[in-house]
């Protein structure tokens, strides 16, 4: 079992922040195209804690929602990094296992977290939202968490570390 390092924690957190940013850009972009203001998107996250009162709180509850979103995303990044500590496959196969992680996170958030939250149950969401959200959780959440965890533990982005033994320093 490896000890936890500052580097691994830092890269895990950064992976979560990148994933949170990409996920929020996706959500605000999608719903803006459907006429929903970004403030409302952020408030919908706060509604998980505050219920319908979040929608009456203006930018204060919108910023709370954004902060909660980033907290959750950071924890997702840290969770992958922590699991990758003792599971080399999680570091060696970021495309495959990061995609699987994104799918697991989508299912967990959709079928466990949201139903247990104070968020009001809305009308049926468009199928396009569901399909795009599954893809987004793979590409925008799972993959960044996996790639940043790899970087944190192994110090590499690529499959094999780059060898500098044959690099000519005169060119």
C-alpha atoms as a PDB file:
ATOM      1  CA  UNK A   1       0.000   0.000   0.000  1.00  0.00           C
ATOM      2  CA  UNK A   2       1.412   3.360  -1.031  1.00  0.00           C
ATOM      3  CA  UNK A   3       1.390   6.310   1.296  1.00  0.00           C
ATOM      4  CA  UNK A   4      -0.669   9.300   0.285  1.00  0.00           C
ATOM      5  CA  UNK A   5       1.475  12.077  -1.125  1.00  0.00           C
ATOM      6  CA  UNK A   6       0.820  15.773  -1.439  1.00  0.00           C
ATOM      7  CA  UNK A   7       1.436  15.461  -5.155  1.00  0.00           C
ATOM      8  CA  UNK A   8      -1.222  12.756  -5.600  1.00  0.00           C
ATOM      9  CA  UNK A   9      -3.751  14.702  -3.532  1.00  0.00           C
ATOM     10  CA  UNK A  10      -3.022  17.904  -5.447  1.00  0.00           C
ATOM     11  CA  UNK A  11      -3.396  16.255  -8.848  1.00  0.00           C
ATOM     12  CA  UNK A  12      -6.522  14.417  -7.676  1.00  0.00           C
ATOM     13  CA  UNK A  13      -8.075  17.706  -6.555  1.00  0.00           C
ATOM     14  CA  UNK A  14      -7.034  19.382  -9.789  1.00  0.00           C
ATOM     15  CA  UNK A  15      -8.604  16.548 -11.776  1.00  0.00           C
ATOM     16  CA  UNK A  16     -11.838  17.089  -9.887  1.00  0.00           C
ATOM     17  CA  UNK A  17     -11.745  20.853 -10.479  1.00  0.00           C
ATOM     18  CA  UNK A  18     -11.131  20.324 -14.206  1.00  0.00           C
ATOM     19  CA  UNK A  19     -13.952  17.766 -14.321  1.00  0.00           C
ATOM     20  CA  UNK A  20     -16.249  20.140 -12.406  1.00  0.00           C
ATOM     21  CA  UNK A  21     -15.463  22.986 -14.779  1.00  0.00           C
ATOM     22  CA  UNK A  22     -16.031  20.884 -17.901  1.00  0.00           C
ATOM     23  CA  UNK A  23     -19.239  19.424 -16.477  1.00  0.00           C
ATOM     24  CA  UNK A  24     -20.623  22.840 -15.546  1.00  0.00           C
ATOM     25  CA  UNK A  25     -19.691  24.264 -18.957  1.00  0.00           C
ATOM     26  CA  UNK A  26     -21.561  21.375 -20.544  1.00  0.00           C
ATOM     27  CA  UNK A  27     -24.655  21.836 -18.336  1.00  0.00           C
ATOM     28  CA  UNK A  28     -24.838  25.604 -18.752  1.00  0.00           C
ATOM     29  CA  UNK A  29     -24.217  25.327 -22.487  1.00  0.00           C
ATOM     30  CA  UNK A  30     -26.904  22.682 -22.944  1.00  0.00           C
ATOM     31  CA  UNK A  31     -29.539  24.512 -20.926  1.00  0.00           C
ATOM     32  CA  UNK A  32     -28.666  27.944 -22.335  1.00  0.00           C
ATOM     33  CA  UNK A  33     -29.587  26.526 -25.744  1.00  0.00           C
ATOM     34  CA  UNK A  34     -32.955  25.650 -24.170  1.00  0.00           C
ATOM     35  CA  UNK A  35     -33.466  29.163 -22.763  1.00  0.00           C
ATOM     36  CA  UNK A  36     -32.429  28.470 -19.155  1.00  0.00           C
ATOM     37  CA  UNK A  37     -30.158  31.041 -17.463  1.00  0.00           C
ATOM     38  CA  UNK A  38     -26.898  29.913 -15.886  1.00  0.00           C
ATOM     39  CA  UNK A  39     -28.045  31.280 -12.513  1.00  0.00           C
ATOM     40  CA  UNK A  40     -30.894  28.758 -12.572  1.00  0.00           C
ATOM     41  CA  UNK A  41     -28.465  25.902 -13.329  1.00  0.00           C
ATOM     42  CA  UNK A  42     -26.315  26.814 -10.329  1.00  0.00           C
ATOM     43  CA  UNK A  43     -29.422  27.171  -8.144  1.00  0.00           C
ATOM     44  CA  UNK A  44     -30.546  23.692  -9.191  1.00  0.00           C
ATOM     45  CA  UNK A  45     -27.395  22.308  -7.539  1.00  0.00           C
ATOM     46  CA  UNK A  46     -28.104  24.300  -4.358  1.00  0.00           C
ATOM     47  CA  UNK A  47     -31.644  22.908  -4.430  1.00  0.00           C
ATOM     48  CA  UNK A  48     -30.133  19.565  -3.498  1.00  0.00           C
ATOM     49  CA  UNK A  49     -29.438  21.032  -0.061  1.00  0.00           C
ATOM     50  CA  UNK A  50     -32.046  23.811   0.203  1.00  0.00           C
ATOM     51  CA  UNK A  51     -34.990  22.465  -1.765  1.00  0.00           C
ATOM     52  CA  UNK A  52     -37.171  24.923  -3.683  1.00  0.00           C
ATOM     53  CA  UNK A  53     -35.943  27.821  -1.522  1.00  0.00           C
ATOM     54  CA  UNK A  54     -32.738  27.783  -3.599  1.00  0.00           C
ATOM     55  CA  UNK A  55     -34.623  29.273  -6.559  1.00  0.00           C
ATOM     56  CA  UNK A  56     -35.652  32.340  -4.540  1.00  0.00           C
ATOM     57  CA  UNK A  57     -32.151  33.122  -3.289  1.00  0.00           C
ATOM     58  CA  UNK A  58     -30.790  34.905  -6.359  1.00  0.00           C
ATOM     59  CA  UNK A  59     -27.065  34.866  -6.938  1.00  0.00           C
ATOM     60  CA  UNK A  60     -26.369  33.951  -3.308  1.00  0.00           C
ATOM     61  CA  UNK A  61     -27.861  30.490  -3.691  1.00  0.00           C
ATOM     62  CA  UNK A  62     -26.489  30.259  -7.230  1.00  0.00           C
ATOM     63  CA  UNK A  63     -22.950  30.701  -5.863  1.00  0.00           C
ATOM     64  CA  UNK A  64     -23.691  28.187  -3.104  1.00  0.00           C
ATOM     65  CA  UNK A  65     -24.727  25.737  -5.820  1.00  0.00           C
ATOM     66  CA  UNK A  66     -21.549  26.387  -7.777  1.00  0.00           C
ATOM     67  CA  UNK A  67     -19.441  25.872  -4.634  1.00  0.00           C
ATOM     68  CA  UNK A  68     -21.265  22.624  -3.857  1.00  0.00           C
ATOM     69  CA  UNK A  69     -20.752  21.476  -7.449  1.00  0.00           C
ATOM     70  CA  UNK A  70     -16.996  22.033  -7.172  1.00  0.00           C
ATOM     71  CA  UNK A  71     -16.852  20.362  -3.763  1.00  0.00           C
ATOM     72  CA  UNK A  72     -18.547  17.265  -5.154  1.00  0.00           C
ATOM     73  CA  UNK A  73     -16.316  17.262  -8.250  1.00  0.00           C
ATOM     74  CA  UNK A  74     -13.164  17.638  -6.132  1.00  0.00           C
ATOM     75  CA  UNK A  75     -14.260  14.666  -4.017  1.00  0.00           C
ATOM     76  CA  UNK A  76     -14.808  12.652  -7.214  1.00  0.00           C
ATOM     77  CA  UNK A  77     -11.266  13.447  -8.334  1.00  0.00           C
ATOM     78  CA  UNK A  78      -9.838  12.577  -4.923  1.00  0.00           C
ATOM     79  CA  UNK A  79     -11.820   9.321  -4.770  1.00  0.00           C
ATOM     80  CA  UNK A  80     -10.368   8.124  -8.079  1.00  0.00           C
ATOM     81  CA  UNK A  81      -6.857   9.189  -7.052  1.00  0.00           C
ATOM     82  CA  UNK A  82      -7.220   7.389  -3.721  1.00  0.00           C
ATOM     83  CA  UNK A  83      -8.458   4.202  -5.411  1.00  0.00           C
ATOM     84  CA  UNK A  84      -5.634   4.420  -7.981  1.00  0.00           C
ATOM     85  CA  UNK A  85      -3.097   4.407  -5.163  1.00  0.00           C
ATOM     86  CA  UNK A  86      -3.183   0.620  -4.849  1.00  0.00           C
ATOM     87  CA  UNK A  87      -4.724  -0.323  -8.192  1.00  0.00           C
ATOM     88  CA  UNK A  88      -2.186   0.097 -11.003  1.00  0.00           C
ATOM     89  CA  UNK A  89      -4.866  -0.721 -13.585  1.00  0.00           C
ATOM     90  CA  UNK A  90      -6.649   2.533 -12.701  1.00  0.00           C
ATOM     91  CA  UNK A  91      -3.459   4.401 -13.591  1.00  0.00           C
ATOM     92  CA  UNK A  92      -2.498   2.271 -16.589  1.00  0.00           C
ATOM     93  CA  UNK A  93      -5.895   2.311 -18.337  1.00  0.00           C
ATOM     94  CA  UNK A  94      -7.307   5.828 -17.929  1.00  0.00           C
ATOM     95  CA  UNK A  95      -9.371   5.666 -21.138  1.00  0.00           C
ATOM     96  CA  UNK A  96     -11.196   2.474 -20.241  1.00  0.00           C
ATOM     97  CA  UNK A  97     -11.434   2.765 -16.489  1.00  0.00           C
ATOM     98  CA  UNK A  98     -11.945   6.530 -16.512  1.00  0.00           C
ATOM     99  CA  UNK A  99     -14.912   5.942 -18.835  1.00  0.00           C
ATOM    100  CA  UNK A 100     -16.267   3.299 -16.470  1.00  0.00           C
ATOM    101  CA  UNK A 101     -15.766   5.679 -13.538  1.00  0.00           C
ATOM    102  CA  UNK A 102     -17.728   8.372 -15.375  1.00  0.00           C
ATOM    103  CA  UNK A 103     -20.600   5.927 -15.970  1.00  0.00           C
ATOM    104  CA  UNK A 104     -20.596   4.858 -12.318  1.00  0.00           C
ATOM    105  CA  UNK A 105     -20.626   8.504 -11.196  1.00  0.00           C
ATOM    106  CA  UNK A 106     -23.528   9.295 -13.542  1.00  0.00           C
ATOM    107  CA  UNK A 107     -25.543   6.360 -12.181  1.00  0.00           C
ATOM    108  CA  UNK A 108     -24.692   7.184  -8.555  1.00  0.00           C
ATOM    109  CA  UNK A 109     -25.607  10.863  -8.904  1.00  0.00           C
ATOM    110  CA  UNK A 110     -28.776  10.174 -10.910  1.00  0.00           C
ATOM    111  CA  UNK A 111     -30.181   7.207  -9.015  1.00  0.00           C
ATOM    112  CA  UNK A 112     -28.857   7.728  -5.465  1.00  0.00           C
ATOM    113  CA  UNK A 113     -27.766  11.300  -4.697  1.00  0.00           C
ATOM    114  CA  UNK A 114     -30.469  13.290  -6.490  1.00  0.00           C
ATOM    115  CA  UNK A 115     -33.381  11.133  -5.229  1.00  0.00           C
ATOM    116  CA  UNK A 116     -32.065  11.431  -1.660  1.00  0.00           C
ATOM    117  CA  UNK A 117     -31.557  15.191  -1.934  1.00  0.00           C
ATOM    118  CA  UNK A 118     -34.003  17.994  -1.161  1.00  0.00           C
ATOM    119  CA  UNK A 119     -34.159  18.860  -4.852  1.00  0.00           C
ATOM    120  CA  UNK A 120     -37.731  19.052  -6.135  1.00  0.00           C
ATOM    121  CA  UNK A 121     -38.724  16.374  -8.595  1.00  0.00           C
ATOM    122  CA  UNK A 122     -39.086  17.960 -11.981  1.00  0.00           C
ATOM    123  CA  UNK A 123     -40.975  16.972 -15.056  1.00  0.00           C
ATOM    124  CA  UNK A 124     -39.405  14.413 -17.346  1.00  0.00           C
ATOM    125  CA  UNK A 125     -36.121  15.674 -18.759  1.00  0.00           C
ATOM    126  CA  UNK A 126     -35.462  15.559 -22.505  1.00  0.00           C
ATOM    127  CA  UNK A 127     -33.887  12.342 -23.795  1.00  0.00           C
ATOM    128  CA  UNK A 128     -31.166  14.482 -25.381  1.00  0.00           C
ATOM    129  CA  UNK A 129     -30.174  15.688 -21.891  1.00  0.00           C
ATOM    130  CA  UNK A 130     -29.868  12.115 -20.611  1.00  0.00           C
ATOM    131  CA  UNK A 131     -27.847  10.870 -23.586  1.00  0.00           C
ATOM    132  CA  UNK A 132     -25.555  13.899 -23.574  1.00  0.00           C
ATOM    133  CA  UNK A 133     -25.135  13.681 -19.791  1.00  0.00           C
ATOM    134  CA  UNK A 134     -23.986  10.069 -19.950  1.00  0.00           C
ATOM    135  CA  UNK A 135     -21.437  10.980 -22.632  1.00  0.00           C
ATOM    136  CA  UNK A 136     -20.383  14.062 -20.664  1.00  0.00           C
ATOM    137  CA  UNK A 137     -19.783  12.044 -17.506  1.00  0.00           C
ATOM    138  CA  UNK A 138     -17.482   9.716 -19.433  1.00  0.00           C
ATOM    139  CA  UNK A 139     -15.530  12.353 -21.359  1.00  0.00           C
ATOM    140  CA  UNK A 140     -15.717  15.388 -19.084  1.00  0.00           C
ATOM    141  CA  UNK A 141     -15.707  13.804 -15.625  1.00  0.00           C
ATOM    142  CA  UNK A 142     -14.361  10.249 -15.691  1.00  0.00           C
ATOM    143  CA  UNK A 143     -11.460  10.819 -18.068  1.00  0.00           C
ATOM    144  CA  UNK A 144     -10.078  13.942 -16.350  1.00  0.00           C
ATOM    145  CA  UNK A 145     -10.263  12.215 -12.955  1.00  0.00           C
ATOM    146  CA  UNK A 146      -8.364   9.213 -14.344  1.00  0.00           C
ATOM    147  CA  UNK A 147      -5.729  11.189 -16.233  1.00  0.00           C
ATOM    148  CA  UNK A 148      -4.993  13.540 -13.353  1.00  0.00           C
ATOM    149  CA  UNK A 149      -4.767  10.620 -10.900  1.00  0.00           C
ATOM    150  CA  UNK A 150      -2.233   8.970 -13.196  1.00  0.00           C
ATOM    151  CA  UNK A 151      -0.218  12.170 -13.301  1.00  0.00           C
ATOM    152  CA  UNK A 152      -0.371  12.503  -9.520  1.00  0.00           C
ATOM    153  CA  UNK A 153       0.837   8.995  -8.749  1.00  0.00           C
ATOM    154  CA  UNK A 154       3.164   8.231 -11.633  1.00  0.00           C
ATOM    155  CA  UNK A 155       4.151  11.703 -12.827  1.00  0.00           C
ATOM    156  CA  UNK A 156       3.151  10.859 -16.390  1.00  0.00           C
ATOM    157  CA  UNK A 157       0.481  11.585 -18.954  1.00  0.00           C
ATOM    158  CA  UNK A 158       1.574   8.906 -21.441  1.00  0.00           C
ATOM    159  CA  UNK A 159       1.607   5.126 -21.132  1.00  0.00           C
ATOM    160  CA  UNK A 160       5.363   4.942 -20.697  1.00  0.00           C
ATOM    161  CA  UNK A 161       7.580   7.570 -19.133  1.00  0.00           C
ATOM    162  CA  UNK A 162       9.546   9.564 -21.684  1.00  0.00           C
ATOM    163  CA  UNK A 163      13.234   8.658 -21.697  1.00  0.00           C
ATOM    164  CA  UNK A 164      15.570  11.615 -21.934  1.00  0.00           C
ATOM    165  CA  UNK A 165      18.659   9.416 -22.396  1.00  0.00           C
ATOM    166  CA  UNK A 166      18.800   9.926 -26.155  1.00  0.00           C
ATOM    167  CA  UNK A 167      17.807  13.578 -26.316  1.00  0.00           C
ATOM    168  CA  UNK A 168      20.563  15.706 -27.851  1.00  0.00           C
ATOM    169  CA  UNK A 169      20.878  18.800 -25.685  1.00  0.00           C
ATOM    170  CA  UNK A 170      22.733  20.739 -28.409  1.00  0.00           C
ATOM    171  CA  UNK A 171      19.699  21.080 -30.698  1.00  0.00           C
END
